[in-house]
Amino acid sequence: MPDHREATWKGVKAAAHYGRRVLGDEHPDTCRTLYRLAGLYLKQHRYVEAEPAAVAAYQGFNSRLGPANALTVQSVEQIASIYDATGRAQQAREWRAKVAMPGAR
């Protein structure tokens, strides 16, 4: 029986690559796809792969949509979750502080 999770992961990864190449790193669709890819990696405990996708999504959302946008805030929480899961509580707090004080970048 085929593994649908693996097919989903491959599809999202391909979409992220396509989005970056065609739309650019900061396009909201590219960022949403990177956010989803990071989420899939996070669920699979693939933190080393999740972190760069989550950070890239945050950077694009923050640049294009601003620090107060819900997608930017969600991406910060995703990054903080990755850091919490890997025992980097201080880094998680620093990322969460970005949401608490959006002007302090």
Protein backbone atom coordinates (compact mmCIF):
# COMPACT_ATOMS: atom_id res chain seq x y z
CA MET A 1 0.00 0.00 0.00
CA PRO A 2 1.45 3.44 -0.92
CA ASP A 3 2.49 5.81 1.83
CA HIS A 4 0.31 8.88 1.31
CA ARG A 5 2.28 10.91 3.84
CA GLU A 6 5.45 10.43 1.81
CA ALA A 7 3.60 11.44 -1.36
CA THR A 8 2.23 14.54 0.40
CA TRP A 9 5.70 15.48 1.64
CA LYS A 10 7.20 15.07 -1.84
CA GLY A 11 4.40 17.14 -3.38
CA VAL A 12 4.80 19.99 -0.91
CA LYS A 13 8.59 19.91 -1.30
CA ALA A 14 8.25 20.11 -5.09
CA ALA A 15 5.74 22.96 -4.77
CA ALA A 16 8.12 24.88 -2.50
CA HIS A 17 10.97 24.47 -4.98
CA TYR A 18 8.73 25.56 -7.87
CA GLY A 19 7.39 28.54 -5.89
CA ARG A 20 10.86 29.76 -5.01
CA ARG A 21 12.05 29.43 -8.60
CA VAL A 22 9.01 30.90 -10.33
CA LEU A 23 7.38 33.25 -7.82
CA GLY A 24 10.37 34.16 -5.65
CA ASP A 25 11.25 33.58 -2.01
CA GLU A 26 9.00 36.30 -0.61
CA HIS A 27 5.83 35.56 -2.56
CA PRO A 28 3.04 34.70 -0.09
CA ASP A 29 2.23 31.45 -1.92
CA THR A 30 5.87 30.37 -1.70
CA CYS A 31 5.95 31.26 2.00
CA ARG A 32 2.73 29.33 2.70
CA THR A 33 4.18 26.29 0.98
CA LEU A 34 7.43 26.56 2.95
CA TYR A 35 5.38 26.92 6.14
CA ARG A 36 3.46 23.73 5.27
CA LEU A 37 6.68 21.91 4.42
CA ALA A 38 8.19 22.93 7.76
CA GLY A 39 5.02 21.70 9.47
CA LEU A 40 5.30 18.31 7.79
CA TYR A 41 8.94 18.04 8.81
CA LEU A 42 8.03 19.08 12.36
CA LYS A 43 5.37 16.34 12.61
CA GLN A 44 7.98 13.82 11.44
CA HIS A 45 10.52 15.10 14.00
CA ARG A 46 12.82 16.14 11.14
CA TYR A 47 13.90 19.32 12.87
CA VAL A 48 17.10 19.91 10.91
CA GLU A 49 15.02 20.09 7.73
CA ALA A 50 12.11 21.95 9.34
CA GLU A 51 14.17 24.88 10.62
CA PRO A 52 15.39 26.39 7.32
CA ALA A 53 11.95 26.02 5.71
CA ALA A 54 10.26 27.68 8.71
CA VAL A 55 12.81 30.51 8.84
CA ALA A 56 12.47 31.14 5.10
CA ALA A 57 8.67 31.25 5.45
CA TYR A 58 8.97 33.72 8.34
CA GLN A 59 11.38 35.95 6.43
CA GLY A 60 9.08 36.11 3.43
CA PHE A 61 5.92 36.69 5.48
CA ASN A 62 7.61 39.34 7.61
CA SER A 63 9.05 41.16 4.59
CA ARG A 64 5.93 41.00 2.44
CA LEU A 65 3.08 41.05 4.98
CA GLY A 66 4.64 42.69 8.04
CA PRO A 67 5.32 41.57 11.60
CA ALA A 68 1.71 41.83 12.82
CA ASN A 69 0.24 39.61 10.09
CA ALA A 70 -1.25 36.34 11.35
CA LEU A 71 0.91 34.27 9.00
CA THR A 72 4.07 35.97 10.26
CA VAL A 73 3.02 35.37 13.87
CA GLN A 74 2.19 31.70 13.14
CA SER A 75 5.56 31.19 11.49
CA VAL A 76 7.31 32.61 14.56
CA GLU A 77 5.45 30.09 16.73
CA GLN A 78 6.42 27.30 14.35
CA ILE A 79 10.10 28.24 14.63
CA ALA A 80 9.83 28.48 18.41
CA SER A 81 8.23 25.01 18.46
CA ILE A 82 11.18 23.62 16.52
CA TYR A 83 13.58 25.15 19.02
CA ASP A 84 11.55 23.85 21.97
CA ALA A 85 11.55 20.35 20.49
CA THR A 86 15.32 20.43 20.08
CA GLY A 87 16.08 21.70 23.57
CA ARG A 88 16.84 25.29 22.56
CA ALA A 89 14.46 27.04 24.94
CA GLN A 90 16.40 30.31 24.93
CA GLN A 91 16.17 30.60 21.14
CA ALA A 92 12.44 29.76 21.34
CA ARG A 93 11.93 32.60 23.84
CA GLU A 94 13.88 35.00 21.61
CA TRP A 95 11.65 34.16 18.63
CA ARG A 96 8.48 34.50 20.69
CA ALA A 97 9.72 37.89 21.89
CA LYS A 98 9.59 39.05 18.25
CA VAL A 99 5.83 38.66 18.36
CA ALA A 100 5.52 40.30 21.77
CA MET A 101 7.61 43.29 20.65
CA PRO A 102 7.28 43.55 16.84
CA GLY A 103 9.28 46.77 16.65
CA ALA A 104 12.37 45.12 18.19
CA ARG A 105 13.91 43.43 15.18
